[in-house]
Amino acid sequence: MKTKLEIMLMAIMLIFMLAGADALPLKTDPISLKTSEPDSKGAQARPWVCGVWIHPGFFGPDKGSAVAKIQTTLDEYARAGINTLIVLVKNTSGHVYYASELGVRDGAWNWDFFEVFLDEARKRRMEVHPWFCVFPETSLLGQVRQHPEWLIMGPKREMVSTVNPALPEVRAYEISLMTELVKKYGVNWVHLDYIRYPCEPTEPYFSHDPDTVKLFKQETGVDFSTLKARDSGNPYWNVWLEWNRDQVTRFVQELREALKATGLQVKISAAVFPDADNARVLIGQDWASWGQRRLVDMLCPMLYTNDTTLFENLTKKAVSYVTYSPGQPLVCAGIGLGTSHNQSTPEIMMEEIRIARSAGASGVIFFSSSSLTAPFLEKLALK
């Protein structure tokens, strides 16, 4: 004969069966559960990152209206569970949005946008990553205008408005902007975007200028001018590809050392291309290695697609490059809401969040604030 306790347990099980599986709470809900899942080795779960890339233009240059919109927006984000703000401080033109003595400020913002934004974020205990578009310099401003030799020169001596990572002077200049901001505002993070060679007009597009060719020969012993077959069938061409790739990695390593020299505890996050294997060859972005070598603390692969199967495959692959043990970087899947690659919906966004969590990611970052409209925020707020 069954006890009263056994009868009660059977009744509870019957209620769940009749209600259907959809009535059961999902263990993988990334919003209501504020931590990532422990890994297979039992590493402790970490806080779930829910972030967004934000451009100052979203708030506008007028200080009065901008401050009001910053306050309203951050309140909405807080209600939606967003805890990480990646805010642009240097755009692809080279203009900066903080009080810089080294860079050229965007003239439309005659006030310290970043100081105001940072203060409002800190009031809400949100993490702020100042976002630098590292190598593009389309307006040729300031020191870049004074040094046109810093620009990448193509195989036909054509120039592009991107500075050359292979040149020590270039790396030093871009790093100086970051250390300047860190020391002035005491931030905990620096976020790298366009931390690569350009995609256009071709991939790969490394610089063929005399200084780069000279450095290549000094470090490898290979005379670039003798490379007749410039394809991957030529062993020396592969040396060229690898050497250029290593210059971007050298930048990340030098930045790491420069940030440490400030005496502050500053971490590095990076927006990276979807597939690490292709990125390391075609744009010199060896982000899997950066994670494995602990040169960065957060990787944000930009997985801008509505194809949830592809999103899942890319997320799993990105996560596989790092193991969740102390000191290893976070992997936060970049979800495109409105991009040149996709136009998402709140339902697709929520499914991709679920996929990212299930795949072992540490969080998600939305691109961008201008597309994170009320319907998306309402979905996020449903805990």
Protein backbone atom coordinates (compact mmCIF):
# COMPACT_ATOMS: atom_id res chain seq x y z
CA MET A 1 0.00 0.00 0.00
CA LYS A 2 1.40 3.43 -1.00
CA THR A 3 2.19 6.04 1.63
CA LYS A 4 0.63 9.53 1.59
CA LEU A 5 4.00 10.99 0.47
CA GLU A 6 4.19 8.61 -2.50
CA ILE A 7 0.63 9.47 -3.51
CA MET A 8 1.41 13.21 -3.34
CA LEU A 9 4.52 12.79 -5.52
CA MET A 10 2.57 10.79 -8.10
CA ALA A 11 -0.09 13.50 -8.19
CA ILE A 12 2.50 16.22 -8.79
CA MET A 13 4.07 14.22 -11.62
CA LEU A 14 0.64 13.70 -13.20
CA ILE A 15 -0.06 17.45 -13.11
CA PHE A 16 3.20 18.17 -14.99
CA MET A 17 2.45 15.47 -17.56
CA LEU A 18 -1.00 16.91 -18.25
CA ALA A 19 0.31 20.45 -18.45
CA GLY A 20 2.87 19.48 -21.10
CA ALA A 21 6.61 19.92 -21.35
CA ASP A 22 6.30 23.61 -22.27
CA ALA A 23 5.08 24.34 -18.76
CA LEU A 24 8.38 23.20 -17.21
CA PRO A 25 10.95 25.89 -16.39
CA LEU A 26 13.86 25.94 -18.86
CA LYS A 27 17.26 25.48 -17.25
CA THR A 28 18.88 27.23 -20.17
CA ASP A 29 16.97 30.51 -19.83
CA PRO A 30 19.81 33.08 -20.23
CA ILE A 31 17.90 36.02 -18.79
CA SER A 32 16.32 34.66 -15.62
CA LEU A 33 19.43 32.69 -14.69
CA LYS A 34 22.22 35.20 -14.30
CA THR A 35 25.15 32.83 -14.70
CA SER A 36 26.66 30.69 -17.45
CA GLU A 37 26.58 26.91 -17.12
CA PRO A 38 29.52 25.17 -15.40
CA ASP A 39 31.74 23.39 -17.91
CA SER A 40 32.26 19.62 -18.16
CA LYS A 41 35.21 19.86 -15.75
CA GLY A 42 33.03 21.45 -13.10
CA ALA A 43 34.48 24.96 -13.36
CA GLN A 44 32.39 27.46 -11.41
CA ALA A 45 29.62 29.21 -13.31
CA ARG A 46 30.23 32.90 -14.09
CA PRO A 47 27.87 35.87 -14.44
CA TRP A 48 26.06 35.89 -17.76
CA VAL A 49 27.10 38.82 -19.96
CA CYS A 50 24.25 40.64 -21.69
CA GLY A 51 25.66 43.58 -23.62
CA VAL A 52 25.13 45.99 -26.47
CA TRP A 53 27.34 47.98 -28.85
CA ILE A 54 26.45 51.69 -28.63
CA HIS A 55 27.35 54.64 -30.89
CA PRO A 56 27.33 58.24 -29.52
CA GLY A 57 25.20 59.18 -32.54
CA PHE A 58 22.36 57.18 -30.98
CA PHE A 59 22.07 59.96 -28.38
CA GLY A 60 23.02 62.91 -30.58
CA PRO A 61 25.50 65.75 -30.06
CA ASP A 62 23.28 68.13 -28.07
CA LYS A 63 24.30 67.64 -24.44
CA GLY A 64 20.93 68.34 -22.83
CA SER A 65 18.90 65.93 -24.93
CA ALA A 66 21.73 63.40 -25.05
CA VAL A 67 22.03 63.19 -21.26
CA ALA A 68 18.29 62.69 -20.92
CA LYS A 69 18.31 59.94 -23.54
CA ILE A 70 21.32 58.25 -21.94
CA GLN A 71 19.50 58.11 -18.61
CA THR A 72 16.27 56.80 -20.13
CA THR A 73 18.06 54.25 -22.30
CA LEU A 74 20.20 52.85 -19.50
CA ASP A 75 17.15 52.53 -17.26
CA GLU A 76 15.42 50.54 -20.03
CA TYR A 77 18.51 48.40 -20.49
CA ALA A 78 18.71 47.68 -16.77
CA ARG A 79 15.10 46.50 -16.74
CA ALA A 80 15.89 44.22 -19.70
CA GLY A 81 18.83 42.60 -17.89
CA ILE A 82 21.60 44.30 -19.88
CA ASN A 83 24.73 44.65 -17.77
CA THR A 84 27.50 45.45 -20.28
CA LEU A 85 27.82 48.55 -22.47
CA ILE A 86 30.35 48.67 -25.32
CA VAL A 87 30.39 52.36 -26.20
CA LEU A 88 32.22 53.85 -29.18
CA VAL A 89 35.08 56.20 -28.33
CA LYS A 90 36.99 56.11 -31.65
CA ASN A 91 35.17 55.63 -34.93
CA THR A 92 36.37 54.48 -38.34
CA SER A 93 37.11 58.06 -39.42
CA GLY A 94 39.59 58.39 -36.55
CA HIS A 95 37.50 60.86 -34.51
CA VAL A 96 37.31 60.30 -30.76
CA TYR A 97 34.50 60.94 -28.26
CA TYR A 98 36.44 61.62 -25.10
CA ALA A 99 38.68 64.44 -23.85
CA SER A 100 41.86 63.49 -25.72
CA GLU A 101 45.12 65.37 -26.04
CA LEU A 102 46.36 62.94 -28.71
CA GLY A 103 43.38 62.23 -30.94
CA VAL A 104 41.02 64.56 -32.81
CA ARG A 105 37.58 64.91 -31.25
CA ASP A 106 34.39 64.88 -33.29
CA GLY A 107 33.58 68.59 -33.51
CA ALA A 108 29.84 68.02 -33.17
CA TRP A 109 30.39 66.87 -29.57
CA ASN A 110 31.78 69.94 -27.78
CA TRP A 111 31.42 68.22 -24.40
CA ASP A 112 32.93 65.09 -22.87
CA PHE A 113 30.45 62.45 -24.05
CA PHE A 114 32.35 59.52 -22.58
CA GLU A 115 32.66 61.06 -19.12
CA VAL A 116 28.90 61.64 -18.92
CA PHE A 117 28.06 58.20 -20.28
CA LEU A 118 30.50 56.46 -17.95
CA ASP A 119 29.08 58.29 -14.93
CA GLU A 120 25.51 57.26 -15.75
CA ALA A 121 26.56 53.64 -16.36
CA ARG A 122 28.42 53.47 -13.07
CA LYS A 123 25.35 54.74 -11.22
CA ARG A 124 23.57 51.65 -12.52
CA ARG A 125 26.54 49.33 -11.85
CA MET A 126 26.91 48.50 -15.53
CA GLU A 127 30.25 47.42 -16.99
CA VAL A 128 31.60 49.79 -19.65
CA HIS A 129 33.96 48.82 -22.47
CA PRO A 130 35.29 51.87 -24.39
CA TRP A 131 35.17 50.75 -28.02
CA PHE A 132 38.03 51.61 -30.39
CA CYS A 133 37.86 51.06 -34.16
CA VAL A 134 41.59 50.46 -34.16
CA PHE A 135 43.17 50.68 -37.62
CA PRO A 136 40.68 52.51 -39.93
CA GLU A 137 41.53 56.22 -40.28
CA THR A 138 39.33 57.35 -43.14
CA SER A 139 39.53 61.09 -42.36
CA LEU A 140 43.34 61.11 -42.10
CA LEU A 141 43.32 63.18 -38.92
CA GLY A 142 46.05 64.56 -36.73
CA GLN A 143 49.13 62.37 -36.52
CA VAL A 144 47.87 60.16 -39.34
CA ARG A 145 47.67 63.18 -41.66
CA GLN A 146 51.23 64.04 -40.68
CA HIS A 147 52.36 60.50 -41.53
CA PRO A 148 50.79 59.33 -44.81
CA GLU A 149 53.44 56.60 -44.89
CA TRP A 150 51.48 54.91 -42.10
CA LEU A 151 48.69 53.97 -44.54
CA ILE A 152 48.49 50.58 -46.18
CA MET A 153 49.80 50.50 -49.74
CA GLY A 154 48.40 47.85 -52.06
CA PRO A 155 50.26 45.78 -54.67
CA LYS A 156 49.66 48.44 -57.34
CA ARG A 157 50.81 51.20 -54.98
CA GLU A 158 47.21 52.19 -54.30
CA MET A 159 46.52 53.53 -50.79
CA VAL A 160 43.67 52.70 -48.45
CA SER A 161 42.57 54.78 -45.47
CA THR A 162 43.67 52.16 -42.95
CA VAL A 163 46.92 52.36 -41.03
CA ASN A 164 49.39 49.51 -41.29
CA PRO A 165 49.68 47.18 -38.24
CA ALA A 166 53.14 46.08 -39.41
CA LEU A 167 54.65 49.48 -38.59
CA PRO A 168 55.80 49.97 -34.96
CA GLU A 169 54.89 53.67 -35.13
CA VAL A 170 51.31 52.82 -36.02
CA ARG A 171 50.95 50.35 -33.20
CA ALA A 172 52.44 52.84 -30.74
CA TYR A 173 50.05 55.61 -31.81
CA GLU A 174 46.88 53.55 -31.58
CA ILE A 175 47.95 52.12 -28.21
CA SER A 176 48.68 55.62 -26.91
CA LEU A 177 45.04 56.59 -27.45
CA MET A 178 43.89 53.62 -25.39
CA THR A 179 46.29 54.13 -22.50
CA GLU A 180 45.41 57.83 -22.47
CA LEU A 181 41.72 57.03 -21.98
CA VAL A 182 42.41 54.33 -19.40
CA LYS A 183 44.52 56.63 -17.23
CA LYS A 184 42.11 59.55 -17.55
CA TYR A 185 38.89 57.69 -16.72
CA GLY A 186 40.05 54.64 -14.76
CA VAL A 187 38.04 52.14 -16.79
CA ASN A 188 38.29 48.37 -16.37
CA TRP A 189 38.08 47.38 -20.05
CA VAL A 190 39.26 48.33 -23.54
CA HIS A 191 37.30 47.00 -26.51
CA LEU A 192 38.99 46.39 -29.88
CA ASP A 193 37.16 46.49 -33.20
CA TYR A 194 38.68 46.48 -36.71
CA ILE A 195 41.63 44.75 -35.11
CA ARG A 196 42.66 43.36 -38.48
CA TYR A 197 43.73 44.19 -42.02
CA PRO A 198 41.04 45.54 -44.37
CA CYS A 199 38.71 43.29 -46.34
CA GLU A 200 38.56 45.65 -49.29
CA PRO A 201 39.45 45.81 -52.05
CA THR A 202 40.53 42.19 -51.61
CA GLU A 203 41.32 39.54 -49.03
CA PRO A 204 44.09 39.40 -48.04
CA TYR A 205 45.13 43.02 -48.30
CA PHE A 206 48.47 43.53 -46.61
CA SER A 207 50.74 46.51 -47.19
CA HIS A 208 53.38 46.44 -49.93
CA ASP A 209 55.09 49.68 -48.91
CA PRO A 210 58.92 49.82 -48.76
CA ASP A 211 59.14 49.95 -44.96
CA THR A 212 56.95 46.87 -44.54
CA VAL A 213 58.90 44.93 -47.18
CA LYS A 214 62.11 45.92 -45.41
CA LEU A 215 60.84 44.78 -42.01
CA PHE A 216 59.64 41.51 -43.54
CA LYS A 217 63.10 40.79 -44.94
CA GLN A 218 64.83 41.72 -41.69
CA GLU A 219 62.66 39.38 -39.64
CA THR A 220 62.30 36.45 -42.05
CA GLY A 221 65.22 36.70 -44.47
CA VAL A 222 62.77 36.59 -47.39
CA ASP A 223 63.02 39.20 -50.17
CA PHE A 224 59.41 39.99 -51.03
CA SER A 225 60.34 41.28 -54.49
CA THR A 226 61.49 37.79 -55.49
CA LEU A 227 58.10 36.19 -54.83
CA LYS A 228 56.81 35.49 -58.32
CA ALA A 229 54.10 32.99 -57.41
CA ARG A 230 52.04 34.92 -54.89
CA ASP A 231 49.68 32.20 -53.82
CA SER A 232 49.51 29.61 -51.06
CA GLY A 233 51.31 27.05 -53.22
CA ASN A 234 54.51 29.04 -52.68
CA PRO A 235 56.05 28.30 -49.24
CA TYR A 236 57.50 31.81 -49.08
CA TRP A 237 54.09 33.34 -49.75
CA ASN A 238 52.82 31.46 -46.72
CA VAL A 239 55.63 33.02 -44.71
CA TRP A 240 54.35 36.43 -45.88
CA LEU A 241 50.79 35.61 -44.80
CA GLU A 242 51.95 34.38 -41.41
CA TRP A 243 54.23 37.36 -40.81
CA ASN A 244 51.45 39.86 -41.45
CA ARG A 245 49.12 37.90 -39.20
CA ASP A 246 51.72 38.06 -36.46
CA GLN A 247 51.85 41.87 -36.68
CA VAL A 248 48.23 42.15 -35.55
CA THR A 249 48.90 39.71 -32.73
CA ARG A 250 51.98 41.76 -31.85
CA PHE A 251 49.70 44.79 -31.48
CA VAL A 252 47.45 42.93 -29.04
CA GLN A 253 50.45 41.76 -27.03
CA GLU A 254 51.98 45.25 -26.95
CA LEU A 255 48.64 46.69 -25.84
CA ARG A 256 48.46 44.11 -23.06
CA GLU A 257 51.89 45.16 -21.84
CA ALA A 258 51.09 48.88 -22.11
CA LEU A 259 47.89 48.50 -20.10
CA LYS A 260 49.74 46.56 -17.42
CA ALA A 261 52.34 49.34 -17.25
CA THR A 262 49.61 51.83 -16.26
CA GLY A 263 49.35 50.06 -12.92
CA LEU A 264 45.62 49.58 -13.43
CA GLN A 265 43.74 46.31 -13.78
CA VAL A 266 42.42 46.66 -17.33
CA LYS A 267 40.97 43.83 -19.41
CA ILE A 268 40.70 43.56 -23.19
CA SER A 269 37.63 42.55 -25.19
CA ALA A 270 37.57 42.23 -28.96
CA ALA A 271 34.95 42.10 -31.71
CA VAL A 272 36.16 39.46 -34.15
CA PHE A 273 35.11 37.85 -37.43
CA PRO A 274 32.80 34.80 -37.32
CA ASP A 275 35.29 32.06 -38.21
CA ALA A 276 38.76 32.08 -36.68
CA ASP A 277 40.29 29.75 -39.27
CA ASN A 278 39.40 32.05 -42.16
CA ALA A 279 40.13 35.25 -40.25
CA ARG A 280 43.72 34.32 -39.42
CA VAL A 281 44.57 33.92 -43.13
CA LEU A 282 42.40 36.47 -44.91
CA ILE A 283 42.56 39.45 -42.53
CA GLY A 284 45.44 38.55 -40.21
CA GLN A 285 43.13 38.19 -37.20
CA ASP A 286 44.28 35.17 -35.22
CA TRP A 287 41.71 35.53 -32.48
CA ALA A 288 41.68 31.89 -31.45
CA SER A 289 45.36 32.22 -30.59
CA TRP A 290 44.70 35.42 -28.64
CA GLY A 291 42.27 33.51 -26.48
CA GLN A 292 44.50 30.50 -26.01
CA ARG A 293 47.46 32.72 -25.10
CA ARG A 294 45.28 34.82 -22.78
CA LEU A 295 46.09 38.04 -24.60
CA VAL A 296 42.42 39.01 -24.41
CA ASP A 297 39.78 38.53 -21.73
CA MET A 298 36.64 38.48 -23.85
CA LEU A 299 36.06 37.45 -27.46
CA CYS A 300 32.93 38.67 -29.24
CA PRO A 301 32.59 36.84 -32.59
CA MET A 302 30.17 38.80 -34.75
CA LEU A 303 27.66 36.11 -35.75
CA TYR A 304 25.21 38.29 -37.63
CA THR A 305 22.78 35.87 -39.21
CA ASN A 306 19.13 34.80 -38.95
CA ASP A 307 20.16 31.24 -39.82
CA THR A 308 19.99 29.71 -36.35
CA THR A 309 21.68 26.47 -37.45
CA LEU A 310 24.66 28.42 -38.76
CA PHE A 311 24.64 30.58 -35.63
CA GLU A 312 24.77 27.46 -33.48
CA ASN A 313 27.64 25.91 -35.45
CA LEU A 314 29.72 29.09 -35.30
CA THR A 315 29.05 29.61 -31.59
CA LYS A 316 30.06 26.05 -30.73
CA LYS A 317 33.22 26.42 -32.80
CA ALA A 318 34.11 29.72 -31.10
CA VAL A 319 33.58 28.26 -27.64
CA SER A 320 35.70 25.23 -28.54
CA TYR A 321 38.79 27.43 -28.91
CA VAL A 322 38.90 28.16 -25.18
CA THR A 323 38.37 26.04 -22.10
CA TYR A 324 36.52 27.51 -19.16
CA SER A 325 39.17 27.50 -16.49
CA PRO A 326 40.44 30.45 -14.43
CA GLY A 327 42.09 33.05 -16.66
CA GLN A 328 40.61 31.87 -19.95
CA PRO A 329 38.66 34.48 -21.93
CA LEU A 330 34.91 34.77 -22.08
CA VAL A 331 33.23 34.05 -25.40
CA CYS A 332 30.18 36.25 -25.95
CA ALA A 333 28.27 35.66 -29.17
CA GLY A 334 27.58 38.81 -31.18
CA ILE A 335 23.91 38.84 -32.19
CA GLY A 336 23.00 41.08 -35.11
CA LEU A 337 19.63 42.79 -34.74
CA GLY A 338 19.99 45.16 -37.69
CA THR A 339 23.14 44.83 -39.76
CA SER A 340 24.30 44.71 -43.37
CA HIS A 341 24.08 40.90 -43.05
CA ASN A 342 20.69 40.45 -41.39
CA GLN A 343 17.54 42.02 -39.98
CA SER A 344 16.44 40.02 -36.97
CA THR A 345 13.20 39.68 -34.99
CA PRO A 346 12.66 39.45 -31.22
CA GLU A 347 11.83 35.75 -31.63
CA ILE A 348 15.05 35.01 -33.54
CA MET A 349 17.02 37.00 -30.96
CA MET A 350 15.62 34.95 -28.10
CA GLU A 351 16.34 31.70 -29.92
CA GLU A 352 19.93 32.76 -30.56
CA ILE A 353 20.34 33.68 -26.89
CA ARG A 354 19.10 30.20 -25.97
CA ILE A 355 21.51 28.63 -28.48
CA ALA A 356 24.45 30.66 -27.21
CA ARG A 357 23.81 29.59 -23.65
CA SER A 358 23.34 25.96 -24.60
CA ALA A 359 26.58 26.05 -26.61
CA GLY A 360 28.53 27.17 -23.54
CA ALA A 361 28.99 30.86 -24.35
CA SER A 362 29.52 33.32 -21.51
CA GLY A 363 26.98 35.78 -22.83
CA VAL A 364 25.71 37.72 -25.83
CA ILE A 365 26.34 41.20 -27.25
CA PHE A 366 23.69 42.89 -29.42
CA PHE A 367 24.48 45.00 -32.48
CA SER A 368 23.45 47.61 -31.94
CA SER A 369 21.67 50.18 -29.76
CA SER A 370 19.87 51.70 -32.74
CA SER A 371 18.28 48.32 -33.52
CA LEU A 372 17.58 47.33 -29.92
CA THR A 373 14.09 48.79 -30.08
CA ALA A 374 11.12 48.39 -27.72
CA PRO A 375 9.93 44.99 -29.06
CA PHE A 376 13.40 43.49 -28.45
CA LEU A 377 13.71 45.06 -25.00
CA GLU A 378 10.24 43.83 -24.05
CA LYS A 379 11.23 40.27 -24.93
CA LEU A 380 14.42 40.55 -22.91
CA ALA A 381 12.53 41.91 -19.91
CA LEU A 382 10.19 38.88 -19.77
CA LYS A 383 12.02 36.91 -17.10
